[in-house]
């Protein structure tokens, strides 16, 4: 019988389902992907990042782990997996 377990499922990170549902966003500081004095892409030029209203978009936390049976991504730390597993074991 296969059980629900939190295991590493993916090589590339996926957004945590519980974090998406709860609206939690990453608070990790942004690290520039390009080198200093490199050419800017058209996507960077089109946005006015120097305006006071512009903020860098934040996305849900990403993880390599998920449920072994359902193949749903969940954070390996925190309470995302615990809440999901608790919900599986209750009769609603």
N, C-alpha and C. Protein backbone atom coordinates (compact mmCIF):
# COMPACT_ATOMS: atom_id res chain seq x y z
N UNK A 1 0.84 -1.18 0.00
CA UNK A 1 0.00 0.00 0.00
C UNK A 1 0.89 1.25 0.00
N UNK A 2 0.61 2.16 -0.89
CA UNK A 2 1.39 3.39 -1.00
C UNK A 2 0.85 4.42 -0.02
N UNK A 3 1.75 5.08 0.68
CA UNK A 3 1.36 6.10 1.65
C UNK A 3 1.79 7.47 1.18
N UNK A 4 1.17 8.49 1.75
CA UNK A 4 1.54 9.87 1.47
C UNK A 4 2.79 10.21 2.27
N UNK A 5 3.86 10.55 1.59
CA UNK A 5 5.11 10.94 2.23
C UNK A 5 5.68 12.16 1.53
N UNK A 6 6.41 12.96 2.25
CA UNK A 6 7.08 14.12 1.67
C UNK A 6 8.46 13.68 1.20
N UNK A 7 8.67 13.69 -0.12
CA UNK A 7 9.94 13.27 -0.69
C UNK A 7 10.37 14.26 -1.77
N UNK A 8 11.64 14.16 -2.17
CA UNK A 8 12.14 14.99 -3.25
C UNK A 8 11.63 14.40 -4.56
N UNK A 9 10.88 15.20 -5.33
CA UNK A 9 10.27 14.71 -6.56
C UNK A 9 10.84 15.34 -7.83
N UNK A 10 11.30 16.57 -7.75
CA UNK A 10 11.66 17.30 -8.96
C UNK A 10 13.11 17.77 -8.93
N UNK A 11 13.65 17.97 -10.13
CA UNK A 11 15.00 18.52 -10.28
C UNK A 11 14.95 20.04 -10.34
N UNK A 12 13.86 20.58 -10.90
CA UNK A 12 13.67 22.03 -10.96
C UNK A 12 12.59 22.42 -9.95
N UNK A 13 12.78 23.53 -9.25
CA UNK A 13 11.81 23.93 -8.22
C UNK A 13 10.42 24.27 -8.78
N UNK A 14 9.41 23.92 -8.01
CA UNK A 14 8.02 24.24 -8.35
C UNK A 14 7.43 25.05 -7.20
N UNK A 15 6.40 25.82 -7.49
CA UNK A 15 5.75 26.64 -6.46
C UNK A 15 4.97 25.75 -5.51
N UNK A 16 5.10 26.00 -4.23
CA UNK A 16 4.41 25.24 -3.20
C UNK A 16 2.91 25.50 -3.28
N UNK A 17 2.11 24.45 -3.36
CA UNK A 17 0.66 24.58 -3.49
C UNK A 17 0.02 25.24 -2.28
N UNK A 18 0.49 24.89 -1.10
CA UNK A 18 -0.07 25.47 0.13
C UNK A 18 0.26 26.95 0.23
N UNK A 19 1.45 27.34 -0.18
CA UNK A 19 1.85 28.75 -0.14
C UNK A 19 1.05 29.57 -1.14
N UNK A 20 0.78 29.01 -2.31
CA UNK A 20 -0.04 29.70 -3.30
C UNK A 20 -1.43 29.94 -2.74
N UNK A 21 -2.02 28.90 -2.15
CA UNK A 21 -3.38 29.00 -1.61
C UNK A 21 -3.45 30.00 -0.46
N UNK A 22 -2.40 30.03 0.38
CA UNK A 22 -2.38 30.93 1.53
C UNK A 22 -1.93 32.34 1.16
N UNK A 23 -1.39 32.52 -0.04
CA UNK A 23 -0.93 33.84 -0.48
C UNK A 23 0.42 34.22 0.08
N UNK A 24 1.19 33.23 0.55
CA UNK A 24 2.53 33.52 1.06
C UNK A 24 3.48 33.76 -0.11
N UNK A 25 4.34 34.75 0.05
CA UNK A 25 5.30 35.09 -0.99
C UNK A 25 6.71 34.99 -0.46
N UNK A 26 7.65 34.84 -1.35
CA UNK A 26 9.05 34.76 -1.00
C UNK A 26 9.54 36.09 -0.48
N UNK A 27 10.39 36.05 0.54
CA UNK A 27 10.97 37.28 1.08
C UNK A 27 12.47 37.32 0.84
N UNK A 28 12.96 36.38 0.04
CA UNK A 28 14.37 36.29 -0.26
C UNK A 28 14.81 37.52 -1.06
N UNK A 29 15.94 38.07 -0.71
CA UNK A 29 16.45 39.25 -1.41
C UNK A 29 16.78 38.89 -2.85
N UNK A 30 16.50 39.81 -3.76
CA UNK A 30 16.75 39.58 -5.17
C UNK A 30 18.23 39.68 -5.48
N UNK A 31 18.75 38.75 -6.22
CA UNK A 31 20.13 38.77 -6.65
C UNK A 31 20.14 38.98 -8.15
N UNK A 32 20.85 39.99 -8.61
CA UNK A 32 20.86 40.33 -10.03
C UNK A 32 21.37 39.17 -10.87
N UNK A 33 20.72 38.93 -12.00
CA UNK A 33 21.08 37.84 -12.89
C UNK A 33 22.12 38.28 -13.92
N UNK A 34 22.21 39.56 -14.15
CA UNK A 34 23.15 40.03 -15.17
C UNK A 34 24.38 40.65 -14.53
N UNK A 35 25.46 40.73 -15.28
CA UNK A 35 26.70 41.31 -14.79
C UNK A 35 26.63 42.83 -14.88
N UNK A 36 27.36 43.53 -14.04
CA UNK A 36 27.38 44.99 -14.13
C UNK A 36 27.87 45.45 -15.50
N UNK A 37 27.27 46.51 -15.99
CA UNK A 37 27.59 47.11 -17.28
C UNK A 37 27.24 46.23 -18.48
N UNK A 38 26.46 45.20 -18.27
CA UNK A 38 26.00 44.36 -19.38
C UNK A 38 24.83 45.04 -20.08
N UNK A 39 24.55 44.63 -21.31
CA UNK A 39 23.43 45.20 -22.06
C UNK A 39 22.12 44.85 -21.38
N UNK A 40 21.19 45.79 -21.40
CA UNK A 40 19.87 45.57 -20.82
C UNK A 40 18.95 44.91 -21.83
N UNK A 41 18.09 44.01 -21.35
CA UNK A 41 17.13 43.38 -22.24
C UNK A 41 15.97 44.34 -22.50
N UNK A 42 15.19 44.07 -23.53
CA UNK A 42 14.04 44.91 -23.86
C UNK A 42 13.01 44.90 -22.74
N UNK A 43 12.89 43.80 -22.02
CA UNK A 43 11.94 43.72 -20.90
C UNK A 43 12.31 44.68 -19.78
N UNK A 44 13.59 44.86 -19.55
CA UNK A 44 14.05 45.77 -18.51
C UNK A 44 13.85 47.22 -18.91
N UNK A 45 14.07 47.50 -20.17
CA UNK A 45 13.98 48.87 -20.67
C UNK A 45 12.53 49.36 -20.68
N UNK A 46 11.58 48.49 -20.97
CA UNK A 46 10.17 48.88 -21.08
C UNK A 46 9.56 49.28 -19.74
N UNK A 47 10.05 48.74 -18.65
CA UNK A 47 9.49 49.03 -17.34
C UNK A 47 10.19 50.24 -16.73
N UNK A 48 9.43 51.10 -16.13
CA UNK A 48 10.01 52.25 -15.45
C UNK A 48 10.26 51.87 -14.00
N UNK A 49 11.40 51.26 -13.74
CA UNK A 49 11.69 50.75 -12.40
C UNK A 49 12.08 51.85 -11.43
N UNK A 50 12.27 53.05 -11.93
CA UNK A 50 12.68 54.15 -11.06
C UNK A 50 11.49 54.94 -10.52
N UNK A 51 10.29 54.55 -10.91
CA UNK A 51 9.12 55.22 -10.35
C UNK A 51 8.90 54.74 -8.92
N UNK A 52 8.23 55.54 -8.12
CA UNK A 52 8.01 55.20 -6.71
C UNK A 52 7.00 54.07 -6.55
N UNK A 53 6.13 53.86 -7.53
CA UNK A 53 5.06 52.86 -7.44
C UNK A 53 5.52 51.46 -7.84
N UNK A 54 6.64 51.35 -8.54
CA UNK A 54 7.06 50.05 -9.06
C UNK A 54 7.68 49.20 -7.96
N UNK A 55 7.26 47.95 -7.88
CA UNK A 55 7.86 46.98 -6.96
C UNK A 55 8.16 45.72 -7.73
N UNK A 56 9.25 45.07 -7.37
CA UNK A 56 9.60 43.81 -8.02
C UNK A 56 8.54 42.77 -7.66
N UNK A 57 7.99 42.07 -8.66
CA UNK A 57 6.96 41.07 -8.36
C UNK A 57 7.54 39.93 -7.53
N UNK A 58 6.75 39.47 -6.58
CA UNK A 58 7.16 38.36 -5.72
C UNK A 58 6.30 37.15 -6.05
N UNK A 59 6.89 35.98 -5.99
CA UNK A 59 6.14 34.77 -6.28
C UNK A 59 6.13 33.86 -5.06
N UNK A 60 5.30 32.84 -5.14
CA UNK A 60 5.18 31.89 -4.03
C UNK A 60 6.49 31.14 -3.84
N UNK A 61 6.69 30.64 -2.64
CA UNK A 61 7.89 29.88 -2.33
C UNK A 61 8.01 28.69 -3.27
N UNK A 62 9.24 28.34 -3.62
CA UNK A 62 9.47 27.23 -4.54
C UNK A 62 10.18 26.10 -3.82
N UNK A 63 9.90 24.87 -4.26
CA UNK A 63 10.41 23.69 -3.57
C UNK A 63 10.67 22.56 -4.56
N UNK A 64 11.48 21.62 -4.13
CA UNK A 64 11.76 20.41 -4.91
C UNK A 64 10.98 19.22 -4.35
N UNK A 65 10.30 19.42 -3.22
CA UNK A 65 9.64 18.33 -2.49
C UNK A 65 8.14 18.32 -2.74
N UNK A 66 7.54 17.15 -2.53
CA UNK A 66 6.10 17.02 -2.69
C UNK A 66 5.60 15.70 -2.16
N UNK A 67 4.29 15.51 -2.27
CA UNK A 67 3.65 14.28 -1.81
C UNK A 67 3.98 13.15 -2.79
N UNK A 68 4.44 12.02 -2.26
CA UNK A 68 4.85 10.90 -3.10
C UNK A 68 3.68 10.28 -3.86
N UNK A 69 2.49 10.36 -3.31
CA UNK A 69 1.33 9.75 -3.94
C UNK A 69 0.58 10.73 -4.86
N UNK A 70 0.37 11.94 -4.40
CA UNK A 70 -0.41 12.93 -5.14
C UNK A 70 0.42 13.74 -6.13
N UNK A 71 1.74 13.78 -5.93
CA UNK A 71 2.66 14.58 -6.71
C UNK A 71 2.27 16.06 -6.71
N UNK A 72 1.97 16.58 -5.53
CA UNK A 72 1.66 17.99 -5.32
C UNK A 72 2.85 18.61 -4.60
N UNK A 73 3.40 19.73 -5.10
CA UNK A 73 4.57 20.32 -4.44
C UNK A 73 4.24 20.98 -3.11
N UNK A 74 5.08 20.72 -2.09
CA UNK A 74 4.95 21.32 -0.76
C UNK A 74 6.33 21.68 -0.24
N UNK A 75 6.40 22.72 0.58
CA UNK A 75 7.65 23.12 1.21
C UNK A 75 8.14 21.99 2.12
N UNK A 76 9.45 21.80 2.15
CA UNK A 76 10.00 20.77 3.04
C UNK A 76 10.14 21.30 4.46
N UNK A 77 10.18 22.61 4.61
CA UNK A 77 10.21 23.22 5.93
C UNK A 77 8.91 23.98 6.14
N UNK A 78 8.62 24.30 7.36
CA UNK A 78 7.37 25.01 7.63
C UNK A 78 6.22 24.06 7.85
N UNK A 79 5.02 24.61 7.82
CA UNK A 79 3.86 23.79 8.14
C UNK A 79 3.01 23.40 6.94
N UNK A 80 3.45 23.67 5.75
CA UNK A 80 2.66 23.35 4.55
C UNK A 80 2.32 21.86 4.48
N UNK A 81 3.34 21.01 4.62
CA UNK A 81 3.12 19.57 4.54
C UNK A 81 2.28 19.08 5.72
N UNK A 82 2.53 19.59 6.90
CA UNK A 82 1.80 19.16 8.10
C UNK A 82 0.31 19.46 7.97
N UNK A 83 -0.03 20.64 7.46
CA UNK A 83 -1.44 21.01 7.29
C UNK A 83 -2.11 20.12 6.24
N UNK A 84 -1.42 19.84 5.15
CA UNK A 84 -1.97 18.99 4.09
C UNK A 84 -2.19 17.57 4.60
N UNK A 85 -1.20 17.02 5.31
CA UNK A 85 -1.30 15.68 5.81
C UNK A 85 -2.40 15.54 6.85
N UNK A 86 -2.56 16.58 7.67
CA UNK A 86 -3.63 16.58 8.67
C UNK A 86 -5.00 16.59 7.99
N UNK A 87 -5.10 17.37 6.91
CA UNK A 87 -6.36 17.42 6.16
C UNK A 87 -6.70 16.09 5.50
N UNK A 88 -5.67 15.36 5.05
CA UNK A 88 -5.89 14.05 4.44
C UNK A 88 -6.48 13.05 5.45
N UNK A 89 -6.04 13.16 6.68
CA UNK A 89 -6.44 12.20 7.71
C UNK A 89 -7.73 12.54 8.43
N UNK A 90 -8.36 13.67 8.10
CA UNK A 90 -9.63 14.02 8.72
C UNK A 90 -10.76 13.70 7.76
N UNK A 91 -11.92 13.43 8.29
CA UNK A 91 -13.09 13.15 7.47
C UNK A 91 -13.93 14.40 7.37
N UNK A 92 -13.89 15.04 6.19
CA UNK A 92 -14.69 16.26 5.96
C UNK A 92 -15.79 15.99 4.97
